[in-house]
């Protein structure tokens, strides 16, 4: 399903789907021109699952990087938590003009949240569902989705990653 939406000051909304839809090779990134009321879609190249439990990898959010032209940060994650988590990463993509519709985008690693042990300072293990990514004047922020308390601690963590 739809996992994230971001506004670009040129008058477009950019949305990401969590996983591949239909016959697409990966999830779609959709760019909606507010003035023209038209969509343009691109394919996002997901990392392969790396967890010992397999699972799947998908997108959780997308955010415009202010002052960069058309760069967006994408939060990519697997569906594994604790010691089984392997893919929790932030990538950058460039949606500048000239990209062919339905082309596979290029991505660049910005931060590997597991390798950088972002939960170590709070005394925890990696969360399964890092779901939100935002920026303000005090840094880049991520938040987990705790899915209630039936099969989860119910804990929510809002973490400031600083500058990226």
N, C-alpha and C. Protein backbone atom coordinates (compact mmCIF):
# COMPACT_ATOMS: atom_id res chain seq x y z
N UNK A 1 0.81 -1.18 0.00
CA UNK A 1 0.00 0.00 0.00
C UNK A 1 0.85 1.25 0.00
N UNK A 2 0.18 2.36 0.02
CA UNK A 2 0.83 3.66 0.06
C UNK A 2 1.47 3.86 1.43
N UNK A 3 2.75 4.18 1.45
CA UNK A 3 3.48 4.27 2.72
C UNK A 3 3.99 5.66 3.05
N UNK A 4 4.21 6.49 2.08
CA UNK A 4 4.75 7.81 2.38
C UNK A 4 4.38 8.80 1.32
N UNK A 5 4.33 10.07 1.72
CA UNK A 5 4.03 11.15 0.78
C UNK A 5 4.83 12.38 1.20
N UNK A 6 5.36 13.07 0.21
CA UNK A 6 6.17 14.27 0.47
C UNK A 6 5.77 15.36 -0.52
N UNK A 7 5.89 16.59 -0.08
CA UNK A 7 5.62 17.74 -0.93
C UNK A 7 6.93 18.33 -1.41
N UNK A 8 6.99 18.66 -2.71
CA UNK A 8 8.13 19.36 -3.28
C UNK A 8 7.67 20.77 -3.64
N UNK A 9 8.48 21.79 -3.35
CA UNK A 9 8.05 23.18 -3.57
C UNK A 9 7.76 23.55 -5.03
N UNK A 10 8.10 22.71 -5.99
CA UNK A 10 7.73 22.98 -7.38
C UNK A 10 6.28 22.62 -7.67
N UNK A 11 5.53 22.23 -6.63
CA UNK A 11 4.11 21.94 -6.82
C UNK A 11 3.82 20.50 -7.17
N UNK A 12 4.60 19.59 -6.63
CA UNK A 12 4.33 18.17 -6.86
C UNK A 12 4.29 17.43 -5.52
N UNK A 13 3.52 16.37 -5.50
CA UNK A 13 3.51 15.44 -4.39
C UNK A 13 4.23 14.18 -4.85
N UNK A 14 5.02 13.60 -3.98
CA UNK A 14 5.75 12.37 -4.30
C UNK A 14 5.33 11.31 -3.28
N UNK A 15 4.85 10.19 -3.78
CA UNK A 15 4.36 9.12 -2.92
C UNK A 15 5.11 7.83 -3.22
N UNK A 16 5.23 6.97 -2.20
CA UNK A 16 5.88 5.69 -2.42
C UNK A 16 4.96 4.55 -1.97
N UNK A 17 4.99 3.49 -2.75
CA UNK A 17 4.30 2.26 -2.37
C UNK A 17 5.28 1.40 -1.58
N UNK A 18 4.76 0.58 -0.66
CA UNK A 18 5.64 -0.21 0.18
C UNK A 18 6.37 -1.30 -0.59
N UNK A 19 5.65 -2.01 -1.43
CA UNK A 19 6.25 -3.14 -2.15
C UNK A 19 5.77 -3.13 -3.60
N UNK A 20 6.36 -4.03 -4.39
CA UNK A 20 6.00 -4.11 -5.80
C UNK A 20 4.50 -4.39 -5.96
N UNK A 21 3.95 -3.85 -7.02
CA UNK A 21 2.52 -3.99 -7.28
C UNK A 21 2.37 -4.60 -8.67
N UNK A 22 1.62 -5.66 -8.78
CA UNK A 22 1.42 -6.31 -10.07
C UNK A 22 2.72 -6.89 -10.59
N UNK A 23 3.03 -6.60 -11.84
CA UNK A 23 4.23 -7.13 -12.50
C UNK A 23 5.45 -6.22 -12.37
N UNK A 24 5.35 -5.16 -11.61
CA UNK A 24 6.48 -4.24 -11.49
C UNK A 24 7.65 -4.91 -10.78
N UNK A 25 8.86 -4.52 -11.15
CA UNK A 25 10.08 -5.11 -10.57
C UNK A 25 10.35 -4.63 -9.15
N UNK A 26 9.70 -3.59 -8.73
CA UNK A 26 9.88 -3.03 -7.39
C UNK A 26 8.73 -2.09 -7.08
N UNK A 27 8.72 -1.51 -5.89
CA UNK A 27 7.64 -0.57 -5.56
C UNK A 27 7.74 0.67 -6.43
N UNK A 28 6.62 1.31 -6.62
CA UNK A 28 6.58 2.52 -7.45
C UNK A 28 6.75 3.77 -6.60
N UNK A 29 7.43 4.73 -7.18
CA UNK A 29 7.48 6.09 -6.67
C UNK A 29 6.63 6.90 -7.64
N UNK A 30 5.58 7.51 -7.14
CA UNK A 30 4.68 8.29 -7.98
C UNK A 30 4.86 9.78 -7.75
N UNK A 31 4.95 10.53 -8.84
CA UNK A 31 5.08 11.99 -8.77
C UNK A 31 3.81 12.58 -9.35
N UNK A 32 3.07 13.33 -8.53
CA UNK A 32 1.81 13.92 -8.95
C UNK A 32 1.98 15.42 -9.11
N UNK A 33 1.79 15.91 -10.33
CA UNK A 33 1.86 17.34 -10.64
C UNK A 33 0.53 17.97 -10.26
N UNK A 34 0.55 18.82 -9.23
CA UNK A 34 -0.69 19.41 -8.74
C UNK A 34 -1.36 20.32 -9.77
N UNK A 35 -0.58 21.07 -10.55
CA UNK A 35 -1.16 21.97 -11.54
C UNK A 35 -1.73 21.21 -12.73
N UNK A 36 -1.00 20.21 -13.21
CA UNK A 36 -1.44 19.47 -14.37
C UNK A 36 -2.31 18.27 -14.06
N UNK A 37 -2.42 17.92 -12.80
CA UNK A 37 -3.21 16.76 -12.35
C UNK A 37 -2.80 15.47 -13.08
N UNK A 38 -1.48 15.28 -13.18
CA UNK A 38 -0.97 14.09 -13.88
C UNK A 38 0.05 13.36 -13.02
N UNK A 39 0.04 12.04 -13.13
CA UNK A 39 0.99 11.17 -12.42
C UNK A 39 2.11 10.74 -13.36
N UNK A 40 3.31 10.60 -12.80
CA UNK A 40 4.44 9.96 -13.46
C UNK A 40 5.00 8.95 -12.45
N UNK A 41 5.30 7.74 -12.93
CA UNK A 41 5.75 6.69 -12.01
C UNK A 41 7.15 6.19 -12.38
N UNK A 42 7.88 5.80 -11.34
CA UNK A 42 9.22 5.24 -11.47
C UNK A 42 9.29 3.99 -10.60
N UNK A 43 10.23 3.10 -10.92
CA UNK A 43 10.41 1.88 -10.14
C UNK A 43 11.59 2.09 -9.19
N UNK A 44 11.37 1.73 -7.92
CA UNK A 44 12.42 1.84 -6.92
C UNK A 44 13.09 0.47 -6.74
N UNK A 45 14.43 0.40 -6.81
CA UNK A 45 15.14 -0.88 -6.69
C UNK A 45 15.39 -1.27 -5.22
N UNK A 46 14.61 -2.17 -4.70
CA UNK A 46 14.76 -2.59 -3.31
C UNK A 46 16.01 -3.47 -3.11
N UNK A 47 16.57 -3.40 -1.89
CA UNK A 47 17.61 -4.35 -1.51
C UNK A 47 16.97 -5.72 -1.36
N UNK A 48 17.76 -6.75 -1.52
CA UNK A 48 17.29 -8.12 -1.29
C UNK A 48 17.22 -8.37 0.21
N UNK A 49 16.33 -9.27 0.66
CA UNK A 49 16.31 -9.63 2.09
C UNK A 49 17.67 -10.19 2.51
N UNK A 50 18.14 -9.79 3.70
CA UNK A 50 19.43 -10.24 4.21
C UNK A 50 19.30 -10.95 5.55
N UNK A 51 18.10 -10.97 6.12
CA UNK A 51 17.91 -11.58 7.43
C UNK A 51 18.04 -13.10 7.36
N UNK A 52 18.48 -13.70 8.45
CA UNK A 52 18.54 -15.15 8.52
C UNK A 52 17.15 -15.76 8.40
N UNK A 53 16.11 -14.97 8.64
CA UNK A 53 14.73 -15.44 8.53
C UNK A 53 14.11 -15.12 7.18
N UNK A 54 14.86 -14.54 6.27
CA UNK A 54 14.30 -14.17 4.97
C UNK A 54 13.42 -12.95 5.11
N UNK A 55 12.12 -13.14 4.90
CA UNK A 55 11.19 -12.02 4.97
C UNK A 55 11.16 -11.23 3.68
N UNK A 56 10.74 -10.00 3.79
CA UNK A 56 10.67 -9.12 2.63
C UNK A 56 11.25 -7.75 2.98
N UNK A 57 11.53 -6.97 1.95
CA UNK A 57 12.03 -5.61 2.11
C UNK A 57 11.06 -4.68 1.40
N UNK A 58 10.78 -3.54 2.02
CA UNK A 58 9.86 -2.58 1.43
C UNK A 58 10.21 -1.16 1.84
N UNK A 59 9.41 -0.21 1.37
CA UNK A 59 9.59 1.21 1.69
C UNK A 59 8.64 1.60 2.81
N UNK A 60 9.10 2.52 3.66
CA UNK A 60 8.27 3.00 4.76
C UNK A 60 7.96 4.48 4.69
N UNK A 61 8.81 5.29 4.07
CA UNK A 61 8.53 6.72 4.00
C UNK A 61 9.42 7.37 2.95
N UNK A 62 9.04 8.59 2.58
CA UNK A 62 9.82 9.39 1.64
C UNK A 62 9.73 10.84 2.10
N UNK A 63 10.85 11.57 2.01
CA UNK A 63 10.90 12.95 2.48
C UNK A 63 11.78 13.77 1.53
N UNK A 64 11.30 14.96 1.20
CA UNK A 64 12.09 15.87 0.36
C UNK A 64 13.25 16.45 1.17
N UNK A 65 14.42 16.52 0.55
CA UNK A 65 15.60 17.12 1.17
C UNK A 65 15.66 18.57 0.70
N UNK A 66 15.31 19.49 1.59
CA UNK A 66 15.21 20.90 1.23
C UNK A 66 16.52 21.46 0.69
N UNK A 67 16.39 22.29 -0.35
CA UNK A 67 17.54 22.97 -0.92
C UNK A 67 18.40 22.12 -1.84
N UNK A 68 17.89 20.96 -2.27
CA UNK A 68 18.70 20.06 -3.08
C UNK A 68 18.21 19.92 -4.51
N UNK A 69 17.22 20.64 -4.91
CA UNK A 69 16.65 20.44 -6.24
C UNK A 69 15.57 19.40 -6.19
N UNK A 70 15.91 18.16 -6.46
CA UNK A 70 14.91 17.10 -6.51
C UNK A 70 15.37 15.83 -5.79
N UNK A 71 16.12 16.00 -4.70
CA UNK A 71 16.58 14.86 -3.93
C UNK A 71 15.58 14.53 -2.83
N UNK A 72 15.30 13.25 -2.69
CA UNK A 72 14.40 12.75 -1.65
C UNK A 72 15.13 11.64 -0.90
N UNK A 73 14.87 11.55 0.41
CA UNK A 73 15.35 10.43 1.20
C UNK A 73 14.22 9.41 1.33
N UNK A 74 14.58 8.14 1.18
CA UNK A 74 13.62 7.05 1.25
C UNK A 74 14.04 6.13 2.40
N UNK A 75 13.09 5.75 3.24
CA UNK A 75 13.33 4.83 4.34
C UNK A 75 12.98 3.43 3.87
N UNK A 76 13.99 2.57 3.79
CA UNK A 76 13.83 1.20 3.30
C UNK A 76 14.09 0.24 4.46
N UNK A 77 13.23 -0.77 4.61
CA UNK A 77 13.38 -1.68 5.75
C UNK A 77 12.89 -3.08 5.42
N UNK A 78 13.39 -4.05 6.20
CA UNK A 78 12.84 -5.40 6.10
C UNK A 78 11.74 -5.55 7.15
N UNK A 79 11.09 -6.69 7.16
CA UNK A 79 10.01 -6.94 8.13
C UNK A 79 10.49 -7.78 9.30
N UNK A 80 11.74 -7.60 9.68
CA UNK A 80 12.34 -8.34 10.78
C UNK A 80 12.74 -7.37 11.89
N UNK A 81 12.72 -7.84 13.11
CA UNK A 81 13.10 -7.01 14.25
C UNK A 81 14.11 -7.71 15.12
N UNK A 82 14.55 -6.98 16.14
CA UNK A 82 15.50 -7.49 17.13
C UNK A 82 16.76 -8.02 16.44
N UNK A 83 17.23 -9.21 16.81
CA UNK A 83 18.48 -9.74 16.23
C UNK A 83 18.30 -10.25 14.81
N UNK A 84 17.07 -10.36 14.33
CA UNK A 84 16.83 -10.82 12.96
C UNK A 84 16.81 -9.68 11.96
N UNK A 85 16.74 -8.44 12.42
CA UNK A 85 16.70 -7.28 11.54
C UNK A 85 18.01 -7.15 10.77
N UNK A 86 17.91 -6.86 9.49
CA UNK A 86 19.13 -6.74 8.68
C UNK A 86 19.10 -5.51 7.76
N UNK A 87 17.93 -5.08 7.31
CA UNK A 87 17.83 -3.95 6.39
C UNK A 87 16.97 -2.86 7.02
N UNK A 88 17.61 -1.80 7.45
CA UNK A 88 16.97 -0.57 7.94
C UNK A 88 17.88 0.55 7.45
N UNK A 89 17.55 1.11 6.29
CA UNK A 89 18.48 2.04 5.64
C UNK A 89 17.75 3.27 5.08
N UNK A 90 18.49 4.35 5.00
CA UNK A 90 18.00 5.56 4.34
C UNK A 90 18.82 5.72 3.07
N UNK A 91 18.11 5.84 1.95
CA UNK A 91 18.75 6.06 0.64
C UNK A 91 18.29 7.40 0.08
N UNK A 92 19.10 7.99 -0.79
CA UNK A 92 18.67 9.18 -1.52
C UNK A 92 18.37 8.79 -2.96
N UNK A 93 17.36 9.44 -3.51
CA UNK A 93 17.02 9.31 -4.93
C UNK A 93 16.88 10.70 -5.50
N UNK A 94 17.16 10.85 -6.78
CA UNK A 94 17.06 12.13 -7.46
C UNK A 94 15.94 12.03 -8.49
N UNK A 95 14.94 12.88 -8.34
CA UNK A 95 13.80 12.86 -9.27
C UNK A 95 13.84 14.05 -10.23
N UNK A 96 15.04 14.45 -10.64
CA UNK A 96 15.18 15.55 -11.61
C UNK A 96 14.49 15.20 -12.91
N UNK A 97 14.15 16.22 -13.65
CA UNK A 97 13.52 16.03 -14.97
C UNK A 97 14.45 15.22 -15.87
N UNK A 98 13.87 14.53 -16.82
CA UNK A 98 14.66 13.76 -17.78
C UNK A 98 14.68 12.28 -17.50
N UNK A 99 14.07 11.84 -16.41
CA UNK A 99 14.00 10.41 -16.13
C UNK A 99 12.78 9.85 -16.87
N UNK A 100 12.98 8.78 -17.59
CA UNK A 100 11.90 8.16 -18.35
C UNK A 100 10.89 7.52 -17.41
N UNK A 101 9.61 7.71 -17.71
CA UNK A 101 8.56 7.11 -16.89
C UNK A 101 8.74 5.59 -16.83
N UNK A 102 8.55 5.02 -15.66
CA UNK A 102 8.69 3.60 -15.33
C UNK A 102 10.13 3.10 -15.39
N UNK A 103 11.09 4.05 -15.48
CA UNK A 103 12.50 3.67 -15.41
C UNK A 103 12.82 3.27 -13.97
N UNK A 104 13.83 2.42 -13.80
CA UNK A 104 14.30 2.06 -12.47
C UNK A 104 15.25 3.16 -12.00
N UNK A 105 14.95 3.70 -10.82
CA UNK A 105 15.74 4.79 -10.27
C UNK A 105 17.08 4.29 -9.74
N UNK A 106 18.03 5.20 -9.64
CA UNK A 106 19.30 4.93 -8.96
C UNK A 106 19.14 5.40 -7.52
N UNK A 107 19.83 4.73 -6.61
CA UNK A 107 19.77 5.15 -5.21
C UNK A 107 21.17 5.16 -4.62
N UNK A 108 21.37 5.99 -3.60
CA UNK A 108 22.65 6.13 -2.93
C UNK A 108 22.43 5.98 -1.43
N UNK A 109 23.21 5.13 -0.79
CA UNK A 109 23.09 4.92 0.64
C UNK A 109 23.46 6.20 1.40
N UNK A 110 22.57 6.63 2.28
CA UNK A 110 22.82 7.79 3.14
C UNK A 110 23.21 7.32 4.54
N UNK A 111 22.46 6.34 5.07
CA UNK A 111 22.73 5.86 6.43
C UNK A 111 22.19 4.44 6.58
N UNK A 112 23.03 3.55 7.11
CA UNK A 112 22.62 2.20 7.46
C UNK A 112 22.32 2.22 8.95
N UNK A 113 21.05 2.16 9.31
CA UNK A 113 20.62 2.34 10.69
C UNK A 113 21.02 1.18 11.59
N UNK A 114 21.19 -0.01 11.03
CA UNK A 114 21.65 -1.15 11.84
C UNK A 114 23.16 -1.10 12.03
N UNK A 115 23.89 -0.90 10.95
CA UNK A 115 25.36 -0.83 11.06
C UNK A 115 25.79 0.32 11.98
N UNK A 116 25.01 1.41 11.96
CA UNK A 116 25.34 2.57 12.80
C UNK A 116 24.74 2.45 14.21
N UNK A 117 24.07 1.33 14.51
CA UNK A 117 23.55 1.01 15.84
C UNK A 117 22.77 2.18 16.45
N UNK A 118 21.76 2.64 15.75
CA UNK A 118 21.00 3.79 16.24
C UNK A 118 20.24 3.50 17.52
N UNK A 119 19.91 2.24 17.80
CA UNK A 119 19.17 1.93 19.03
C UNK A 119 20.09 1.62 20.20
N UNK A 120 21.37 1.45 19.98
CA UNK A 120 22.31 1.17 21.07
C UNK A 120 22.28 2.20 22.18
N UNK A 121 22.30 3.51 21.84
CA UNK A 121 22.30 4.53 22.90
C UNK A 121 21.04 4.51 23.78
N UNK A 122 19.94 3.95 23.29
CA UNK A 122 18.73 3.88 24.13
C UNK A 122 18.58 2.50 24.76
N UNK A 123 19.59 1.65 24.57
CA UNK A 123 19.60 0.35 25.22
C UNK A 123 18.68 -0.67 24.58
N UNK A 124 18.47 -0.56 23.28
CA UNK A 124 17.54 -1.48 22.64
C UNK A 124 18.11 -2.20 21.45
N UNK A 125 17.32 -3.11 20.93
CA UNK A 125 17.63 -3.83 19.71
C UNK A 125 16.86 -3.19 18.56
N UNK A 126 17.22 -3.46 17.32
CA UNK A 126 16.54 -2.83 16.18
C UNK A 126 15.04 -3.13 16.15
N UNK A 127 14.27 -2.09 15.88
CA UNK A 127 12.83 -2.23 15.73
C UNK A 127 12.52 -2.84 14.37
N UNK A 128 11.41 -3.55 14.28
CA UNK A 128 10.99 -4.10 12.99
C UNK A 128 10.51 -2.99 12.07
N UNK A 129 9.63 -2.14 12.57
CA UNK A 129 8.92 -1.22 11.71
C UNK A 129 9.33 0.23 11.93
N UNK A 130 10.46 0.61 11.35
CA UNK A 130 10.78 2.03 11.30
C UNK A 130 9.90 2.60 10.19
N UNK A 131 8.99 3.49 10.56
CA UNK A 131 7.92 3.89 9.64
C UNK A 131 7.93 5.36 9.24
N UNK A 132 8.55 6.22 10.02
CA UNK A 132 8.47 7.65 9.71
C UNK A 132 9.84 8.27 9.58
N UNK A 133 9.97 9.24 8.68
CA UNK A 133 11.22 9.95 8.43
C UNK A 133 10.88 11.41 8.18
N UNK A 134 11.47 12.31 8.97
CA UNK A 134 11.17 13.74 8.82
C UNK A 134 12.41 14.56 9.17
N UNK A 135 12.39 15.83 8.75
CA UNK A 135 13.50 16.74 9.01
C UNK A 135 12.95 18.04 9.57
N UNK A 136 13.68 18.60 10.54
CA UNK A 136 13.41 19.95 11.00
C UNK A 136 14.76 20.62 11.26
N UNK A 137 14.77 21.77 11.87
CA UNK A 137 16.01 22.49 12.11
C UNK A 137 16.95 21.82 13.10
N UNK A 138 16.50 20.77 13.75
CA UNK A 138 17.32 20.08 14.75
C UNK A 138 17.81 18.72 14.27
N UNK A 139 17.56 18.35 13.02
CA UNK A 139 18.08 17.10 12.49
C UNK A 139 17.05 16.26 11.76
N UNK A 140 17.47 15.05 11.39
CA UNK A 140 16.61 14.07 10.74
C UNK A 140 16.08 13.13 11.81
N UNK A 141 14.80 12.83 11.75
CA UNK A 141 14.11 12.05 12.78
C UNK A 141 13.50 10.80 12.17
N UNK A 142 13.51 9.71 12.93
CA UNK A 142 12.78 8.50 12.55
C UNK A 142 11.92 8.08 13.74
N UNK A 143 10.86 7.34 13.43
CA UNK A 143 9.98 6.83 14.47
C UNK A 143 9.56 5.41 14.08
N UNK A 144 9.36 4.58 15.09
CA UNK A 144 8.89 3.22 14.82
C UNK A 144 7.38 3.14 14.97
N UNK A 145 6.79 2.15 14.35
CA UNK A 145 5.36 1.84 14.47
C UNK A 145 5.28 0.62 15.38
N UNK A 146 4.68 0.77 16.55
CA UNK A 146 4.71 -0.32 17.53
C UNK A 146 3.63 -1.37 17.33
N UNK A 147 2.67 -1.14 16.44
CA UNK A 147 1.59 -2.11 16.16
C UNK A 147 0.82 -2.55 17.40
N UNK A 148 0.70 -1.67 18.36
CA UNK A 148 -0.05 -2.03 19.56
C UNK A 148 0.78 -2.88 20.49
N UNK A 149 0.11 -3.65 21.35
CA UNK A 149 0.85 -4.39 22.37
C UNK A 149 0.60 -5.90 22.34
N UNK A 150 -0.12 -6.42 21.35
CA UNK A 150 -0.37 -7.86 21.32
C UNK A 150 0.89 -8.68 21.07
N UNK A 151 1.71 -8.26 20.13
CA UNK A 151 2.94 -8.99 19.84
C UNK A 151 4.15 -8.06 19.85
N UNK A 152 4.03 -6.98 20.60
CA UNK A 152 5.07 -5.97 20.62
C UNK A 152 5.04 -5.31 21.99
N UNK A 153 6.12 -4.69 22.37
CA UNK A 153 6.19 -4.04 23.69
C UNK A 153 5.28 -2.82 23.78
N UNK A 154 4.83 -2.32 22.65
CA UNK A 154 4.03 -1.11 22.65
C UNK A 154 4.86 0.16 22.72
N UNK A 155 6.17 0.01 22.78
CA UNK A 155 7.07 1.14 22.92
C UNK A 155 7.20 1.90 21.59
N UNK A 156 7.14 3.21 21.69
CA UNK A 156 7.39 4.06 20.53
C UNK A 156 8.67 4.84 20.81
N UNK A 157 9.54 4.88 19.81
CA UNK A 157 10.77 5.64 19.93
C UNK A 157 10.84 6.66 18.79
N UNK A 158 11.01 7.90 19.15
CA UNK A 158 11.27 8.98 18.21
C UNK A 158 12.75 9.32 18.39
N UNK A 159 13.54 9.10 17.33
CA UNK A 159 14.98 9.23 17.44
C UNK A 159 15.52 10.28 16.49
N UNK A 160 16.36 11.17 17.02
CA UNK A 160 16.99 12.21 16.22
C UNK A 160 18.33 11.67 15.72
N UNK A 161 18.47 11.56 14.41
CA UNK A 161 19.70 11.05 13.79
C UNK A 161 20.73 12.16 13.59
N UNK A 162 20.35 13.41 13.85
CA UNK A 162 21.25 14.53 13.59
C UNK A 162 21.26 14.86 12.10
N UNK A 163 22.36 15.39 11.62
CA UNK A 163 22.46 15.71 10.20
C UNK A 163 22.87 14.45 9.43
N UNK A 164 22.41 14.37 8.20
CA UNK A 164 22.75 13.22 7.34
C UNK A 164 23.55 13.69 6.14
